[in-house]
């Protein structure tokens, strides 16, 4: 196994990390926009949350395709890969709807969504980095 094959094999795991970090950056930029009312931001964040849920639905089969007979620790890791971002996107949708109808919980829901998606991105990047480091010795011996 060469170094390039490890990088190629982890490509599918880097994409979610980049999507989560990109989502957090997009949300932060949308919230900084000087718009005259809150409903355009609510619509933008709501559409972003719906796109995030659609992305999670798309990657679930890829994550579980070869995952039969997982140990409890592996199911925990799968929850961090899929469940936390899905919860963050759902919280973003709830916050966006709350922002549109001017509810007081909306900023807290949006802040929670941003925090969950940031945590998911950090976890995804950390997990992929550990995979590369743990397999580095196998490639350097050849």
N, C-alpha and C. Protein backbone atom coordinates (compact mmCIF):
# COMPACT_ATOMS: atom_id res chain seq x y z
N UNK A 1 0.85 -1.18 0.00
CA UNK A 1 0.00 0.00 0.00
C UNK A 1 0.89 1.23 0.00
N UNK A 2 0.68 2.09 -0.95
CA UNK A 2 1.51 3.29 -1.04
C UNK A 2 0.86 4.45 -0.30
N UNK A 3 1.66 5.49 -0.12
CA UNK A 3 1.15 6.67 0.56
C UNK A 3 0.00 7.30 -0.22
N UNK A 4 0.10 7.26 -1.54
CA UNK A 4 -0.98 7.85 -2.34
C UNK A 4 -2.26 7.04 -2.22
N UNK A 5 -2.15 5.71 -2.00
CA UNK A 5 -3.37 4.92 -1.84
C UNK A 5 -4.06 5.22 -0.51
N UNK A 6 -3.29 5.55 0.53
CA UNK A 6 -3.91 5.95 1.79
C UNK A 6 -4.65 7.27 1.60
N UNK A 7 -4.01 8.21 0.92
CA UNK A 7 -4.67 9.50 0.68
C UNK A 7 -5.91 9.30 -0.18
N UNK A 8 -5.81 8.43 -1.18
CA UNK A 8 -6.97 8.17 -2.03
C UNK A 8 -8.09 7.49 -1.24
N UNK A 9 -7.73 6.57 -0.34
CA UNK A 9 -8.72 5.86 0.44
C UNK A 9 -9.42 6.72 1.47
N UNK A 10 -8.82 7.81 1.88
CA UNK A 10 -9.44 8.69 2.88
C UNK A 10 -10.19 9.86 2.24
N UNK A 11 -10.15 9.95 0.92
CA UNK A 11 -10.80 11.07 0.24
C UNK A 11 -12.29 11.16 0.58
N UNK A 12 -12.95 10.02 0.64
CA UNK A 12 -14.38 10.01 0.96
C UNK A 12 -14.67 10.43 2.38
N UNK A 13 -13.67 10.34 3.26
CA UNK A 13 -13.87 10.75 4.64
C UNK A 13 -13.51 12.21 4.86
N UNK A 14 -12.72 12.81 3.99
CA UNK A 14 -12.40 14.22 4.11
C UNK A 14 -13.56 15.10 3.66
N UNK A 15 -14.34 14.61 2.69
CA UNK A 15 -15.42 15.41 2.14
C UNK A 15 -16.42 15.85 3.21
N UNK A 16 -16.91 14.96 4.10
CA UNK A 16 -17.84 15.44 5.13
C UNK A 16 -17.22 16.51 6.03
N UNK A 17 -15.96 16.37 6.39
CA UNK A 17 -15.33 17.39 7.23
C UNK A 17 -15.34 18.74 6.53
N UNK A 18 -15.02 18.74 5.26
CA UNK A 18 -15.03 20.00 4.50
C UNK A 18 -16.43 20.56 4.36
N UNK A 19 -17.41 19.68 4.18
CA UNK A 19 -18.81 20.14 4.09
C UNK A 19 -19.24 20.78 5.40
N UNK A 20 -18.90 20.15 6.54
CA UNK A 20 -19.31 20.70 7.84
C UNK A 20 -18.63 22.04 8.11
N UNK A 21 -17.32 22.14 7.83
CA UNK A 21 -16.63 23.41 8.03
C UNK A 21 -17.17 24.48 7.08
N UNK A 22 -17.45 24.11 5.84
CA UNK A 22 -18.02 25.05 4.89
C UNK A 22 -19.40 25.53 5.31
N UNK A 23 -20.18 24.62 5.88
CA UNK A 23 -21.52 24.98 6.36
C UNK A 23 -21.43 25.98 7.50
N UNK A 24 -20.52 25.74 8.43
CA UNK A 24 -20.35 26.66 9.56
C UNK A 24 -19.91 28.03 9.06
N UNK A 25 -18.98 28.06 8.12
CA UNK A 25 -18.53 29.34 7.57
C UNK A 25 -19.67 30.06 6.86
N UNK A 26 -20.45 29.32 6.07
CA UNK A 26 -21.58 29.92 5.35
C UNK A 26 -22.61 30.48 6.33
N UNK A 27 -22.92 29.73 7.38
CA UNK A 27 -23.89 30.20 8.38
C UNK A 27 -23.40 31.47 9.06
N UNK A 28 -22.12 31.49 9.41
CA UNK A 28 -21.58 32.68 10.07
C UNK A 28 -21.64 33.89 9.15
N UNK A 29 -21.32 33.69 7.88
CA UNK A 29 -21.39 34.81 6.93
C UNK A 29 -22.82 35.26 6.70
N UNK A 30 -23.76 34.31 6.65
CA UNK A 30 -25.17 34.69 6.47
C UNK A 30 -25.67 35.49 7.66
N UNK A 31 -25.24 35.12 8.86
CA UNK A 31 -25.69 35.84 10.05
C UNK A 31 -25.06 37.23 10.16
N UNK A 32 -23.93 37.43 9.50
CA UNK A 32 -23.28 38.74 9.54
C UNK A 32 -23.83 39.72 8.50
N UNK A 33 -24.63 39.22 7.57
CA UNK A 33 -25.16 40.08 6.50
C UNK A 33 -26.09 41.14 7.09
N UNK A 34 -25.89 42.38 6.71
CA UNK A 34 -26.74 43.47 7.25
C UNK A 34 -28.07 43.57 6.50
N UNK A 35 -28.97 42.65 6.78
CA UNK A 35 -30.28 42.65 6.13
C UNK A 35 -31.28 43.39 7.00
N UNK A 36 -32.31 44.02 6.39
CA UNK A 36 -33.25 44.83 7.16
C UNK A 36 -34.17 44.03 8.08
N UNK A 37 -34.37 42.74 7.80
CA UNK A 37 -35.23 41.92 8.66
C UNK A 37 -34.61 40.53 8.81
N UNK A 38 -35.20 39.74 9.69
CA UNK A 38 -34.64 38.43 9.99
C UNK A 38 -35.14 37.34 9.05
N UNK A 39 -36.24 37.56 8.34
CA UNK A 39 -36.79 36.47 7.55
C UNK A 39 -35.91 36.05 6.37
N UNK A 40 -35.16 36.96 5.68
CA UNK A 40 -34.26 36.46 4.63
C UNK A 40 -33.16 35.55 5.18
N UNK A 41 -32.64 35.91 6.35
CA UNK A 41 -31.62 35.07 6.98
C UNK A 41 -32.23 33.73 7.38
N UNK A 42 -33.46 33.76 7.88
CA UNK A 42 -34.15 32.53 8.23
C UNK A 42 -34.34 31.63 7.03
N UNK A 43 -34.68 32.21 5.89
CA UNK A 43 -34.85 31.41 4.68
C UNK A 43 -33.52 30.83 4.23
N UNK A 44 -32.49 31.64 4.25
CA UNK A 44 -31.15 31.15 3.85
C UNK A 44 -30.70 30.02 4.77
N UNK A 45 -30.83 30.21 6.08
CA UNK A 45 -30.40 29.17 7.01
C UNK A 45 -31.29 27.92 6.91
N UNK A 46 -32.58 28.12 6.70
CA UNK A 46 -33.47 26.98 6.54
C UNK A 46 -33.13 26.14 5.31
N UNK A 47 -32.85 26.83 4.20
CA UNK A 47 -32.45 26.10 2.99
C UNK A 47 -31.11 25.40 3.19
N UNK A 48 -30.20 26.05 3.93
CA UNK A 48 -28.93 25.40 4.24
C UNK A 48 -29.12 24.16 5.11
N UNK A 49 -30.03 24.25 6.08
CA UNK A 49 -30.33 23.09 6.92
C UNK A 49 -30.96 21.96 6.13
N UNK A 50 -31.88 22.30 5.22
CA UNK A 50 -32.49 21.27 4.37
C UNK A 50 -31.45 20.62 3.45
N UNK A 51 -30.53 21.42 2.92
CA UNK A 51 -29.46 20.86 2.09
C UNK A 51 -28.56 19.94 2.92
N UNK A 52 -28.31 20.32 4.18
CA UNK A 52 -27.50 19.48 5.06
C UNK A 52 -28.18 18.16 5.37
N UNK A 53 -29.49 18.19 5.61
CA UNK A 53 -30.23 16.94 5.86
C UNK A 53 -30.20 16.06 4.61
N UNK A 54 -30.36 16.67 3.44
CA UNK A 54 -30.30 15.90 2.19
C UNK A 54 -28.92 15.28 2.01
N UNK A 55 -27.87 16.01 2.36
CA UNK A 55 -26.51 15.48 2.26
C UNK A 55 -26.32 14.31 3.22
N UNK A 56 -26.83 14.44 4.44
CA UNK A 56 -26.71 13.34 5.41
C UNK A 56 -27.45 12.10 4.92
N UNK A 57 -28.62 12.28 4.34
CA UNK A 57 -29.37 11.14 3.80
C UNK A 57 -28.58 10.49 2.67
N UNK A 58 -27.88 11.29 1.89
CA UNK A 58 -27.09 10.77 0.78
C UNK A 58 -25.89 9.95 1.28
N UNK A 59 -25.23 10.38 2.37
CA UNK A 59 -24.03 9.67 2.79
C UNK A 59 -24.30 8.51 3.75
N UNK A 60 -25.51 8.39 4.27
CA UNK A 60 -25.80 7.28 5.19
C UNK A 60 -25.58 5.93 4.53
N UNK A 61 -26.08 5.66 3.32
CA UNK A 61 -25.82 4.34 2.73
C UNK A 61 -24.34 4.08 2.50
N UNK A 62 -23.57 5.09 2.15
CA UNK A 62 -22.13 4.90 1.96
C UNK A 62 -21.44 4.54 3.26
N UNK A 63 -21.90 5.10 4.37
CA UNK A 63 -21.30 4.81 5.67
C UNK A 63 -21.63 3.40 6.15
N UNK A 64 -22.83 2.94 5.88
CA UNK A 64 -23.28 1.66 6.43
C UNK A 64 -23.23 0.51 5.44
N UNK A 65 -22.70 0.74 4.25
CA UNK A 65 -22.69 -0.30 3.23
C UNK A 65 -21.90 -1.52 3.67
N UNK A 66 -20.77 -1.32 4.29
CA UNK A 66 -19.92 -2.43 4.70
C UNK A 66 -19.78 -2.51 6.22
N UNK A 67 -20.77 -2.07 6.96
CA UNK A 67 -20.65 -1.92 8.40
C UNK A 67 -21.45 -2.97 9.18
N UNK A 68 -21.54 -4.19 8.71
CA UNK A 68 -22.30 -5.22 9.42
C UNK A 68 -21.50 -5.74 10.61
N UNK A 69 -22.17 -6.02 11.71
CA UNK A 69 -21.52 -6.59 12.89
C UNK A 69 -20.58 -5.64 13.60
N UNK A 70 -20.96 -4.39 13.72
CA UNK A 70 -20.11 -3.41 14.39
C UNK A 70 -20.17 -3.58 15.90
N UNK A 71 -19.06 -3.30 16.56
CA UNK A 71 -19.02 -3.27 18.01
C UNK A 71 -19.68 -1.98 18.50
N UNK A 72 -19.97 -1.94 19.79
CA UNK A 72 -20.64 -0.77 20.36
C UNK A 72 -19.81 0.50 20.14
N UNK A 73 -18.50 0.40 20.25
CA UNK A 73 -17.62 1.54 20.03
C UNK A 73 -17.74 2.06 18.60
N UNK A 74 -17.90 1.13 17.64
CA UNK A 74 -18.03 1.53 16.25
C UNK A 74 -19.38 2.21 15.98
N UNK A 75 -20.43 1.75 16.66
CA UNK A 75 -21.73 2.40 16.50
C UNK A 75 -21.69 3.81 17.08
N UNK A 76 -20.94 3.98 18.16
CA UNK A 76 -20.76 5.31 18.74
C UNK A 76 -20.07 6.22 17.74
N UNK A 77 -19.03 5.71 17.09
CA UNK A 77 -18.32 6.51 16.09
C UNK A 77 -19.23 6.83 14.91
N UNK A 78 -20.07 5.87 14.50
CA UNK A 78 -21.00 6.13 13.39
C UNK A 78 -22.01 7.20 13.78
N UNK A 79 -22.44 7.21 15.05
CA UNK A 79 -23.35 8.25 15.50
C UNK A 79 -22.68 9.62 15.41
N UNK A 80 -21.40 9.69 15.77
CA UNK A 80 -20.70 10.96 15.67
C UNK A 80 -20.54 11.40 14.22
N UNK A 81 -20.38 10.45 13.31
CA UNK A 81 -20.22 10.78 11.90
C UNK A 81 -21.53 11.23 11.26
N UNK A 82 -22.65 10.60 11.65
CA UNK A 82 -23.92 10.85 10.97
C UNK A 82 -24.94 11.55 11.88
N UNK A 83 -25.07 11.11 13.12
CA UNK A 83 -26.11 11.62 14.00
C UNK A 83 -25.91 13.05 14.43
N UNK A 84 -24.70 13.40 14.80
CA UNK A 84 -24.45 14.77 15.27
C UNK A 84 -24.68 15.80 14.16
N UNK A 85 -24.16 15.58 12.95
CA UNK A 85 -24.46 16.56 11.89
C UNK A 85 -25.95 16.61 11.53
N UNK A 86 -26.62 15.46 11.56
CA UNK A 86 -28.06 15.47 11.27
C UNK A 86 -28.81 16.25 12.34
N UNK A 87 -28.42 16.08 13.59
CA UNK A 87 -29.03 16.84 14.68
C UNK A 87 -28.73 18.33 14.53
N UNK A 88 -27.52 18.67 14.11
CA UNK A 88 -27.16 20.06 13.88
C UNK A 88 -27.98 20.68 12.76
N UNK A 89 -28.16 19.95 11.67
CA UNK A 89 -28.96 20.47 10.56
C UNK A 89 -30.43 20.60 10.94
N UNK A 90 -30.94 19.64 11.70
CA UNK A 90 -32.34 19.74 12.17
C UNK A 90 -32.50 20.95 13.09
N UNK A 91 -31.53 21.17 13.96
CA UNK A 91 -31.57 22.33 14.84
C UNK A 91 -31.50 23.63 14.04
N UNK A 92 -30.75 23.60 12.96
CA UNK A 92 -30.66 24.79 12.10
C UNK A 92 -32.01 25.08 11.44
N UNK A 93 -32.71 24.04 11.01
CA UNK A 93 -34.03 24.24 10.41
C UNK A 93 -35.00 24.80 11.44
N UNK A 94 -34.98 24.24 12.64
CA UNK A 94 -35.87 24.73 13.71
C UNK A 94 -35.55 26.20 14.04
N UNK A 95 -34.27 26.51 14.13
CA UNK A 95 -33.87 27.89 14.41
C UNK A 95 -34.26 28.85 13.30
N UNK A 96 -34.15 28.38 12.05
CA UNK A 96 -34.52 29.23 10.92
C UNK A 96 -36.01 29.52 10.92
N UNK A 97 -36.82 28.50 11.19
CA UNK A 97 -38.27 28.70 11.28
C UNK A 97 -38.59 29.64 12.44
N UNK A 98 -37.92 29.45 13.57
CA UNK A 98 -38.11 30.33 14.71
C UNK A 98 -37.71 31.76 14.41
N UNK A 99 -36.67 31.93 13.60
CA UNK A 99 -36.24 33.27 13.21
C UNK A 99 -37.28 33.94 12.32
N UNK A 100 -37.87 33.17 11.42
CA UNK A 100 -38.88 33.72 10.51
C UNK A 100 -40.12 34.16 11.28
N UNK A 101 -40.54 33.35 12.27
CA UNK A 101 -41.75 33.69 13.03
C UNK A 101 -41.43 34.48 14.30
N UNK A 102 -40.19 34.90 14.45
CA UNK A 102 -39.73 35.77 15.53
C UNK A 102 -39.93 35.17 16.92
N UNK A 103 -39.44 33.95 17.11
CA UNK A 103 -39.47 33.30 18.42
C UNK A 103 -38.15 33.54 19.13
N UNK A 104 -38.20 33.57 20.45
CA UNK A 104 -37.00 33.90 21.22
C UNK A 104 -35.98 32.76 21.26
N UNK A 105 -36.39 31.52 20.97
CA UNK A 105 -35.46 30.40 21.02
C UNK A 105 -34.58 30.31 19.77
N UNK A 106 -34.91 31.06 18.72
CA UNK A 106 -34.23 30.92 17.43
C UNK A 106 -32.71 31.12 17.50
N UNK A 107 -32.20 32.18 18.13
CA UNK A 107 -30.74 32.34 18.17
C UNK A 107 -30.03 31.20 18.91
N UNK A 108 -30.67 30.66 19.93
CA UNK A 108 -30.07 29.56 20.67
C UNK A 108 -30.02 28.29 19.83
N UNK A 109 -31.07 28.05 19.08
CA UNK A 109 -31.11 26.88 18.21
C UNK A 109 -30.07 26.99 17.10
N UNK A 110 -29.92 28.17 16.54
CA UNK A 110 -28.93 28.38 15.49
C UNK A 110 -27.52 28.26 16.06
N UNK A 111 -27.29 28.81 17.24
CA UNK A 111 -25.98 28.69 17.87
C UNK A 111 -25.67 27.23 18.19
N UNK A 112 -26.67 26.49 18.65
CA UNK A 112 -26.47 25.06 18.90
C UNK A 112 -26.16 24.30 17.63
N UNK A 113 -26.84 24.64 16.53
CA UNK A 113 -26.58 23.99 15.25
C UNK A 113 -25.16 24.26 14.77
N UNK A 114 -24.73 25.50 14.88
CA UNK A 114 -23.37 25.85 14.45
C UNK A 114 -22.35 25.11 15.30
N UNK A 115 -22.60 25.02 16.60
CA UNK A 115 -21.68 24.31 17.49
C UNK A 115 -21.62 22.83 17.15
N UNK A 116 -22.76 22.19 16.91
CA UNK A 116 -22.77 20.77 16.56
C UNK A 116 -22.06 20.51 15.23
N UNK A 117 -22.30 21.35 14.24
CA UNK A 117 -21.64 21.15 12.96
C UNK A 117 -20.14 21.42 13.04
N UNK A 118 -19.74 22.38 13.85
CA UNK A 118 -18.31 22.61 14.06
C UNK A 118 -17.67 21.42 14.75
N UNK A 119 -18.35 20.88 15.76
CA UNK A 119 -17.86 19.69 16.45
C UNK A 119 -17.76 18.51 15.48
N UNK A 120 -18.76 18.35 14.61
CA UNK A 120 -18.74 17.26 13.64
C UNK A 120 -17.57 17.40 12.67
N UNK A 121 -17.29 18.63 12.24
CA UNK A 121 -16.15 18.85 11.35
C UNK A 121 -14.83 18.57 12.02
N UNK A 122 -14.69 18.99 13.27
CA UNK A 122 -13.46 18.72 14.01
C UNK A 122 -13.29 17.22 14.22
N UNK A 123 -14.36 16.53 14.59
CA UNK A 123 -14.28 15.09 14.80
C UNK A 123 -13.93 14.35 13.50
N UNK A 124 -14.54 14.77 12.40
CA UNK A 124 -14.26 14.12 11.12
C UNK A 124 -12.81 14.32 10.71
N UNK A 125 -12.30 15.52 10.86
CA UNK A 125 -10.91 15.79 10.51
C UNK A 125 -9.96 15.02 11.43
N UNK A 126 -10.27 14.96 12.70
CA UNK A 126 -9.44 14.24 13.66
C UNK A 126 -9.43 12.74 13.35
N UNK A 127 -10.59 12.18 13.04
CA UNK A 127 -10.70 10.76 12.75
C UNK A 127 -9.90 10.39 11.50
N UNK A 128 -10.01 11.19 10.46
CA UNK A 128 -9.26 10.90 9.23
C UNK A 128 -7.76 11.05 9.47
N UNK A 129 -7.37 12.07 10.22
CA UNK A 129 -5.95 12.26 10.53
C UNK A 129 -5.41 11.06 11.30
N UNK A 130 -6.16 10.56 12.27
CA UNK A 130 -5.71 9.38 13.02
C UNK A 130 -5.60 8.16 12.13
N UNK A 131 -6.52 7.99 11.19
CA UNK A 131 -6.43 6.86 10.25
C UNK A 131 -5.16 6.93 9.43
N UNK A 132 -4.83 8.10 8.96
CA UNK A 132 -3.61 8.27 8.16
C UNK A 132 -2.38 7.99 9.00
N UNK A 133 -2.34 8.53 10.21
CA UNK A 133 -1.18 8.34 11.08
C UNK A 133 -1.02 6.87 11.47
N UNK A 134 -2.14 6.20 11.77
CA UNK A 134 -2.06 4.79 12.18
C UNK A 134 -1.64 3.89 11.02
N UNK A 135 -1.93 4.26 9.80
CA UNK A 135 -1.55 3.45 8.65
C UNK A 135 -0.24 3.91 8.01
N UNK A 136 0.37 4.94 8.53
CA UNK A 136 1.59 5.48 7.94
C UNK A 136 2.73 4.48 8.03
N UNK A 137 2.88 3.79 9.13
CA UNK A 137 3.95 2.81 9.28
C UNK A 137 3.83 1.67 8.27
N UNK A 138 2.63 1.27 7.96
CA UNK A 138 2.42 0.20 7.00
C UNK A 138 2.90 0.59 5.62
N UNK A 139 2.78 1.86 5.28
CA UNK A 139 3.20 2.30 3.95
C UNK A 139 4.70 2.58 3.90
N UNK A 140 5.28 3.02 5.00
CA UNK A 140 6.71 3.37 4.97
C UNK A 140 7.60 2.14 4.99
N UNK A 141 7.07 0.98 5.37
CA UNK A 141 7.88 -0.24 5.40
C UNK A 141 8.04 -0.85 4.02
N UNK A 142 7.22 -0.46 3.09
CA UNK A 142 7.29 -1.05 1.73
C UNK A 142 8.15 -0.27 0.82
